[in-house]
Structure formats: structure tokens, C-alpha cells
Amino acid sequence: MSREDDLALLHEYTQKEGLIQHMLAVEAAVRAYARKYGEDEEKWGTVGMLHDFDYERWPDAPDHPLKGSAILTDRGYPDDVIYAIKSHADYLEDCPRVSRLDKTLYACDELCGFIVAYALMRPTRLEGMKAKSIRKKMKQVSFAAAVNRADIVNGAEDLGVDLNEHIQFCIDALKPIAGELGLQPES
């Protein structure tokens, strides 16, 4: 499968621009970790991009991500890609996160959503954003209330990375695609 195939599948099942941008953000962060760890960047990018492609049609557990997993199986995606996507759902007890890929997706998913939400509030968007600011904003429970802060903390811990370093790593991973994410600094 190619990135173009992944994008076509994403657009076939997802119309909401915010959800598409979320998947692109997670893809960028997961790809950056693949480069850091010397892993297969294309495979890891696929996992990041497609982890929520079925969410718009089937948002309820366990349909998400099981409906998407069935589609990926039918289209010939590798088992480890499908497993990693399934493992990001805490409620699927038969899919614990075991591989570095599984843990990376989980660690990046909620955090990327939070970073993007915070960036949208800032005139400079991602430019100059620091982990310290994200940590401070995480304490404000009314901000991006749907983002599970425990998942952010636990994701970094499971991945074995310092939370501040993880946050900054993900911020930096999103900067090259700021335009695609609608996060260009205001003029």
C-alpha cells in the first residue's frame, strides 16, 4: 500500500476536516518516531494516518476500530498495521499494546489532538510552542475536555519517554505540516 492509497481510503470514509487533520497530525508524529527509532516510516505512517479512518461512520465502541480493521483486512493491509490500530482502543482487552508501534500510536493520539487544540488558540500557532505550555494547559480541565490527560501521561510512560520530551517531540513533528493542519501563524 502507498500513502496515496491510505489517503484515498481516509477520504472514502471521512469527510470532517478536523478529523482528517487529526489523522494527519498523528501520522506526522508517528512517522517522526519511526525515523527516530529506525523503523519503517511508511508502515508507521499508515498506522498514524488510518487509526481513526472509520470513526466518523462508526464512532461507538467497539465498532471503532473493529469495523475499520475488517476493511483494512479486506484491502490487504498487514496484520501488524491492523493490530496497532486496534490496540489504540483501551476497551479492546484482547489487543494489548505490545510493540513499539502500538505504544507509539497510543502515545501520540490524544497528545496530537491536544497540541492542535492549543495551537488554534495561539496567534503563532505551533511556532514557539513549548512542552511547558502544554503541561500547564493540561491542568485546565475545561480546555479540550474530551482529551484524556491520563492517556497522554500513560502513553509517554508506556513508550518509555519523558513526558516533556515527548510533548516537544510531537510539537516539532507537526511543524513541517502546519499548513495542512491549518496551523500557519496568523499574519
C-alpha atoms as a PDB file:
ATOM      1  CA  MET A   1       0.000   0.000   0.000  1.00  0.00           C
ATOM      2  CA  SER A   2       1.157   3.528  -0.681  1.00  0.00           C
ATOM      3  CA  ARG A   3       0.477   6.784   1.119  1.00  0.00           C
ATOM      4  CA  GLU A   4      -1.793   7.708  -1.803  1.00  0.00           C
ATOM      5  CA  ASP A   5      -3.811   4.515  -1.171  1.00  0.00           C
ATOM      6  CA  ASP A   6      -4.012   5.405   2.518  1.00  0.00           C
ATOM      7  CA  LEU A   7      -5.204   8.931   1.725  1.00  0.00           C
ATOM      8  CA  ALA A   8      -7.823   7.604  -0.691  1.00  0.00           C
ATOM      9  CA  LEU A   9      -9.140   5.235   2.000  1.00  0.00           C
ATOM     10  CA  LEU A  10      -9.154   8.013   4.582  1.00  0.00           C
ATOM     11  CA  HIS A  11     -11.157  10.306   2.284  1.00  0.00           C
ATOM     12  CA  GLU A  12     -13.520   7.499   1.297  1.00  0.00           C
ATOM     13  CA  TYR A  13     -14.650   7.128   4.911  1.00  0.00           C
ATOM     14  CA  THR A  14     -14.019  10.569   6.433  1.00  0.00           C
ATOM     15  CA  GLN A  15     -15.464  13.938   5.432  1.00  0.00           C
ATOM     16  CA  LYS A  16     -14.894  16.077   8.536  1.00  0.00           C
ATOM     17  CA  GLU A  17     -11.848  18.263   8.005  1.00  0.00           C
ATOM     18  CA  GLY A  18     -10.969  18.315  11.708  1.00  0.00           C
ATOM     19  CA  LEU A  19     -10.859  14.527  11.874  1.00  0.00           C
ATOM     20  CA  ILE A  20      -8.769  14.359   8.708  1.00  0.00           C
ATOM     21  CA  GLN A  21      -6.349  16.906  10.167  1.00  0.00           C
ATOM     22  CA  HIS A  22      -6.169  14.885  13.393  1.00  0.00           C
ATOM     23  CA  MET A  23      -5.165  11.761  11.479  1.00  0.00           C
ATOM     24  CA  LEU A  24      -2.557  13.708   9.501  1.00  0.00           C
ATOM     25  CA  ALA A  25      -1.148  15.118  12.742  1.00  0.00           C
ATOM     26  CA  VAL A  26      -0.892  11.676  14.309  1.00  0.00           C
ATOM     27  CA  GLU A  27       0.677  10.373  11.106  1.00  0.00           C
ATOM     28  CA  ALA A  28       3.358  13.096  11.269  1.00  0.00           C
ATOM     29  CA  ALA A  29       4.183  12.326  14.908  1.00  0.00           C
ATOM     30  CA  VAL A  30       4.268   8.555  14.391  1.00  0.00           C
ATOM     31  CA  ARG A  31       6.442   8.964  11.262  1.00  0.00           C
ATOM     32  CA  ALA A  32       8.852  11.137  13.246  1.00  0.00           C
ATOM     33  CA  TYR A  33       9.160   8.399  15.860  1.00  0.00           C
ATOM     34  CA  ALA A  34       9.737   5.821  13.105  1.00  0.00           C
ATOM     35  CA  ARG A  35      12.676   7.921  11.885  1.00  0.00           C
ATOM     36  CA  LYS A  36      13.981   8.279  15.436  1.00  0.00           C
ATOM     37  CA  TYR A  37      13.798   4.540  16.077  1.00  0.00           C
ATOM     38  CA  GLY A  38      14.989   3.452  12.626  1.00  0.00           C
ATOM     39  CA  GLU A  39      11.655   1.787  11.837  1.00  0.00           C
ATOM     40  CA  ASP A  40       9.637   1.515   8.620  1.00  0.00           C
ATOM     41  CA  GLU A  41       8.359   5.064   8.197  1.00  0.00           C
ATOM     42  CA  GLU A  42       5.771   4.149   5.570  1.00  0.00           C
ATOM     43  CA  LYS A  43       4.224   1.400   7.691  1.00  0.00           C
ATOM     44  CA  TRP A  44       4.211   3.569  10.796  1.00  0.00           C
ATOM     45  CA  GLY A  45       2.763   6.463   8.795  1.00  0.00           C
ATOM     46  CA  THR A  46      -0.069   4.223   7.613  1.00  0.00           C
ATOM     47  CA  VAL A  47      -0.917   3.345  11.219  1.00  0.00           C
ATOM     48  CA  GLY A  48      -0.938   7.003  12.251  1.00  0.00           C
ATOM     49  CA  MET A  49      -2.996   8.112   9.279  1.00  0.00           C
ATOM     50  CA  LEU A  50      -5.601   5.351   9.349  1.00  0.00           C
ATOM     51  CA  HIS A  51      -6.071   4.842  13.085  1.00  0.00           C
ATOM     52  CA  ASP A  52      -9.398   6.736  13.088  1.00  0.00           C
ATOM     53  CA  PHE A  53     -10.499   6.450   9.445  1.00  0.00           C
ATOM     54  CA  ASP A  54     -13.636   4.530  10.487  1.00  0.00           C
ATOM     55  CA  TYR A  55     -14.549   6.829  13.395  1.00  0.00           C
ATOM     56  CA  GLU A  56     -16.882   9.165  11.509  1.00  0.00           C
ATOM     57  CA  ARG A  57     -19.103   6.283  10.359  1.00  0.00           C
ATOM     58  CA  TRP A  58     -18.774   4.080  13.443  1.00  0.00           C
ATOM     59  CA  PRO A  59     -17.869   6.242  16.466  1.00  0.00           C
ATOM     60  CA  ASP A  60     -19.162   3.834  19.102  1.00  0.00           C
ATOM     61  CA  ALA A  61     -17.105   1.148  20.798  1.00  0.00           C
ATOM     62  CA  PRO A  62     -16.330  -1.489  19.754  1.00  0.00           C
ATOM     63  CA  ASP A  63     -17.396  -0.676  16.182  1.00  0.00           C
ATOM     64  CA  HIS A  64     -14.469   1.740  16.125  1.00  0.00           C
ATOM     65  CA  PRO A  65     -11.885   0.378  15.394  1.00  0.00           C
ATOM     66  CA  LEU A  66     -13.261  -3.080  14.604  1.00  0.00           C
ATOM     67  CA  LYS A  67     -15.237  -2.018  11.508  1.00  0.00           C
ATOM     68  CA  GLY A  68     -12.139  -0.295  10.173  1.00  0.00           C
ATOM     69  CA  SER A  69      -9.987  -3.317  10.995  1.00  0.00           C
ATOM     70  CA  ALA A  70     -12.265  -5.513   8.885  1.00  0.00           C
ATOM     71  CA  ILE A  71     -11.996  -3.055   5.988  1.00  0.00           C
ATOM     72  CA  LEU A  72      -8.207  -2.992   6.303  1.00  0.00           C
ATOM     73  CA  THR A  73      -8.123  -6.798   6.338  1.00  0.00           C
ATOM     74  CA  ASP A  74     -10.294  -6.950   3.200  1.00  0.00           C
ATOM     75  CA  ARG A  75      -7.964  -4.498   1.466  1.00  0.00           C
ATOM     76  CA  GLY A  76      -4.849  -6.485   2.276  1.00  0.00           C
ATOM     77  CA  TYR A  77      -3.200  -4.335   4.941  1.00  0.00           C
ATOM     78  CA  PRO A  78      -0.574  -6.141   7.049  1.00  0.00           C
ATOM     79  CA  ASP A  79      -1.628  -7.775  10.307  1.00  0.00           C
ATOM     80  CA  ASP A  80       0.750  -5.659  12.418  1.00  0.00           C
ATOM     81  CA  VAL A  81      -0.746  -2.444  11.000  1.00  0.00           C
ATOM     82  CA  ILE A  82      -4.256  -3.651  11.811  1.00  0.00           C
ATOM     83  CA  TYR A  83      -3.232  -4.815  15.278  1.00  0.00           C
ATOM     84  CA  ALA A  84      -1.574  -1.487  16.119  1.00  0.00           C
ATOM     85  CA  ILE A  85      -4.728   0.372  15.090  1.00  0.00           C
ATOM     86  CA  LYS A  86      -6.908  -1.933  17.174  1.00  0.00           C
ATOM     87  CA  SER A  87      -4.569  -1.594  20.163  1.00  0.00           C
ATOM     88  CA  HIS A  88      -5.167   2.150  20.480  1.00  0.00           C
ATOM     89  CA  ALA A  89      -8.653   1.363  21.807  1.00  0.00           C
ATOM     90  CA  ASP A  90      -8.395   0.704  25.554  1.00  0.00           C
ATOM     91  CA  TYR A  91     -11.680  -1.188  25.547  1.00  0.00           C
ATOM     92  CA  LEU A  92     -10.377  -3.989  23.306  1.00  0.00           C
ATOM     93  CA  GLU A  93      -8.930  -6.189  26.032  1.00  0.00           C
ATOM     94  CA  ASP A  94      -7.691  -8.787  23.530  1.00  0.00           C
ATOM     95  CA  CYS A  95      -5.411  -6.186  21.895  1.00  0.00           C
ATOM     96  CA  PRO A  96      -2.900  -5.017  24.495  1.00  0.00           C
ATOM     97  CA  ARG A  97      -0.193  -2.673  23.265  1.00  0.00           C
ATOM     98  CA  VAL A  98       2.931  -4.793  22.924  1.00  0.00           C
ATOM     99  CA  SER A  99       5.083  -3.469  20.086  1.00  0.00           C
ATOM    100  CA  ARG A 100       6.829  -0.129  19.906  1.00  0.00           C
ATOM    101  CA  LEU A 101       4.479   0.774  17.044  1.00  0.00           C
ATOM    102  CA  ASP A 102       1.408   0.027  19.192  1.00  0.00           C
ATOM    103  CA  LYS A 103       2.768   2.125  22.028  1.00  0.00           C
ATOM    104  CA  THR A 104       3.806   4.989  19.756  1.00  0.00           C
ATOM    105  CA  LEU A 105       0.352   5.321  18.219  1.00  0.00           C
ATOM    106  CA  TYR A 106      -1.257   5.374  21.650  1.00  0.00           C
ATOM    107  CA  ALA A 107       1.268   7.901  22.961  1.00  0.00           C
ATOM    108  CA  CYS A 108       0.748  10.269  20.020  1.00  0.00           C
ATOM    109  CA  ASP A 109      -3.021  10.058  19.504  1.00  0.00           C
ATOM    110  CA  GLU A 110      -4.502  12.131  22.348  1.00  0.00           C
ATOM    111  CA  LEU A 111      -1.421  14.330  22.613  1.00  0.00           C
ATOM    112  CA  CYS A 112      -1.645  15.425  18.977  1.00  0.00           C
ATOM    113  CA  GLY A 113      -5.290  16.336  19.489  1.00  0.00           C
ATOM    114  CA  PHE A 114      -4.361  18.442  22.492  1.00  0.00           C
ATOM    115  CA  ILE A 115      -1.441  20.159  20.747  1.00  0.00           C
ATOM    116  CA  VAL A 116      -3.620  21.111  17.772  1.00  0.00           C
ATOM    117  CA  ALA A 117      -6.394  22.428  20.038  1.00  0.00           C
ATOM    118  CA  TYR A 118      -3.897  24.575  21.923  1.00  0.00           C
ATOM    119  CA  ALA A 119      -2.186  25.778  18.738  1.00  0.00           C
ATOM    120  CA  LEU A 120      -5.514  27.013  17.375  1.00  0.00           C
ATOM    121  CA  MET A 121      -5.712  29.418  20.339  1.00  0.00           C
ATOM    122  CA  ARG A 122      -2.300  30.936  19.718  1.00  0.00           C
ATOM    123  CA  PRO A 123      -1.608  33.626  17.081  1.00  0.00           C
ATOM    124  CA  THR A 124       1.763  31.971  16.382  1.00  0.00           C
ATOM    125  CA  ARG A 125       0.135  28.510  16.314  1.00  0.00           C
ATOM    126  CA  LEU A 126       2.932  25.900  16.624  1.00  0.00           C
ATOM    127  CA  GLU A 127       5.770  28.403  16.339  1.00  0.00           C
ATOM    128  CA  GLY A 128       7.446  28.895  19.697  1.00  0.00           C
ATOM    129  CA  MET A 129       5.198  26.353  21.414  1.00  0.00           C
ATOM    130  CA  LYS A 130       6.929  24.591  24.287  1.00  0.00           C
ATOM    131  CA  ALA A 131       6.122  21.464  26.269  1.00  0.00           C
ATOM    132  CA  LYS A 132       5.895  23.580  29.422  1.00  0.00           C
ATOM    133  CA  SER A 133       2.915  25.469  27.952  1.00  0.00           C
ATOM    134  CA  ILE A 134       1.151  22.229  27.053  1.00  0.00           C
ATOM    135  CA  ARG A 135       1.722  20.834  30.545  1.00  0.00           C
ATOM    136  CA  LYS A 136       0.260  23.995  32.058  1.00  0.00           C
ATOM    137  CA  LYS A 137      -2.762  23.893  29.731  1.00  0.00           C
ATOM    138  CA  MET A 138      -3.341  20.205  30.556  1.00  0.00           C
ATOM    139  CA  LYS A 139      -4.177  21.286  34.118  1.00  0.00           C
ATOM    140  CA  GLN A 140      -7.124  23.339  32.824  1.00  0.00           C
ATOM    141  CA  VAL A 141      -9.757  20.590  32.697  1.00  0.00           C
ATOM    142  CA  SER A 142     -12.283  22.729  30.826  1.00  0.00           C
ATOM    143  CA  PHE A 143      -9.885  23.171  27.888  1.00  0.00           C
ATOM    144  CA  ALA A 144     -10.150  20.383  25.267  1.00  0.00           C
ATOM    145  CA  ALA A 145     -12.181  18.489  27.830  1.00  0.00           C
ATOM    146  CA  ALA A 146     -12.638  15.486  25.522  1.00  0.00           C
ATOM    147  CA  VAL A 147      -8.888  14.829  25.513  1.00  0.00           C
ATOM    148  CA  ASN A 148      -7.977  12.251  28.125  1.00  0.00           C
ATOM    149  CA  ARG A 149      -4.982  13.641  30.035  1.00  0.00           C
ATOM    150  CA  ALA A 150      -4.286  10.259  31.635  1.00  0.00           C
ATOM    151  CA  ASP A 151      -3.859   8.755  28.149  1.00  0.00           C
ATOM    152  CA  ILE A 152      -1.242  11.408  27.371  1.00  0.00           C
ATOM    153  CA  VAL A 153       0.700  10.716  30.565  1.00  0.00           C
ATOM    154  CA  ASN A 154       0.331   6.936  30.384  1.00  0.00           C
ATOM    155  CA  GLY A 155       1.185   6.883  26.680  1.00  0.00           C
ATOM    156  CA  ALA A 156       4.558   8.537  27.254  1.00  0.00           C
ATOM    157  CA  GLU A 157       5.230   6.253  30.211  1.00  0.00           C
ATOM    158  CA  ASP A 158       4.361   3.100  28.222  1.00  0.00           C
ATOM    159  CA  LEU A 159       6.588   4.275  25.388  1.00  0.00           C
ATOM    160  CA  GLY A 160       9.395   4.836  27.890  1.00  0.00           C
ATOM    161  CA  VAL A 161       9.939   8.515  27.102  1.00  0.00           C
ATOM    162  CA  ASP A 162       9.997  11.559  29.337  1.00  0.00           C
ATOM    163  CA  LEU A 163       6.653  13.347  29.081  1.00  0.00           C
ATOM    164  CA  ASN A 164       8.152  16.791  28.428  1.00  0.00           C
ATOM    165  CA  GLU A 165      10.474  15.418  25.752  1.00  0.00           C
ATOM    166  CA  HIS A 166       7.580  13.507  24.173  1.00  0.00           C
ATOM    167  CA  ILE A 167       5.391  16.609  24.064  1.00  0.00           C
ATOM    168  CA  GLN A 168       8.144  18.697  22.472  1.00  0.00           C
ATOM    169  CA  PHE A 169       8.968  15.915  20.020  1.00  0.00           C
ATOM    170  CA  CYS A 170       5.341  15.821  18.842  1.00  0.00           C
ATOM    171  CA  ILE A 171       5.105  19.617  18.615  1.00  0.00           C
ATOM    172  CA  ASP A 172       8.224  19.639  16.448  1.00  0.00           C
ATOM    173  CA  ALA A 173       6.894  16.766  14.308  1.00  0.00           C
ATOM    174  CA  LEU A 174       3.777  18.782  13.444  1.00  0.00           C
ATOM    175  CA  LYS A 175       5.594  21.953  12.399  1.00  0.00           C
ATOM    176  CA  PRO A 176       6.524  20.766   8.868  1.00  0.00           C
ATOM    177  CA  ILE A 177       2.836  20.104   8.084  1.00  0.00           C
ATOM    178  CA  ALA A 178       1.432  23.171   9.843  1.00  0.00           C
ATOM    179  CA  GLY A 179      -0.172  24.348   6.593  1.00  0.00           C
ATOM    180  CA  GLU A 180      -2.007  21.047   6.072  1.00  0.00           C
ATOM    181  CA  LEU A 181      -3.255  21.254   9.649  1.00  0.00           C
ATOM    182  CA  GLY A 182      -4.496  24.822   9.327  1.00  0.00           C
ATOM    183  CA  LEU A 183      -1.862  25.945  11.807  1.00  0.00           C
ATOM    184  CA  GLN A 184       0.021  28.617   9.895  1.00  0.00           C
ATOM    185  CA  PRO A 185       0.855  31.571  12.153  1.00  0.00           C
ATOM    186  CA  GLU A 186      -1.594  34.472  11.854  1.00  0.00           C
ATOM    187  CA  SER A 187      -0.281  37.373   9.782  1.00  0.00           C
END
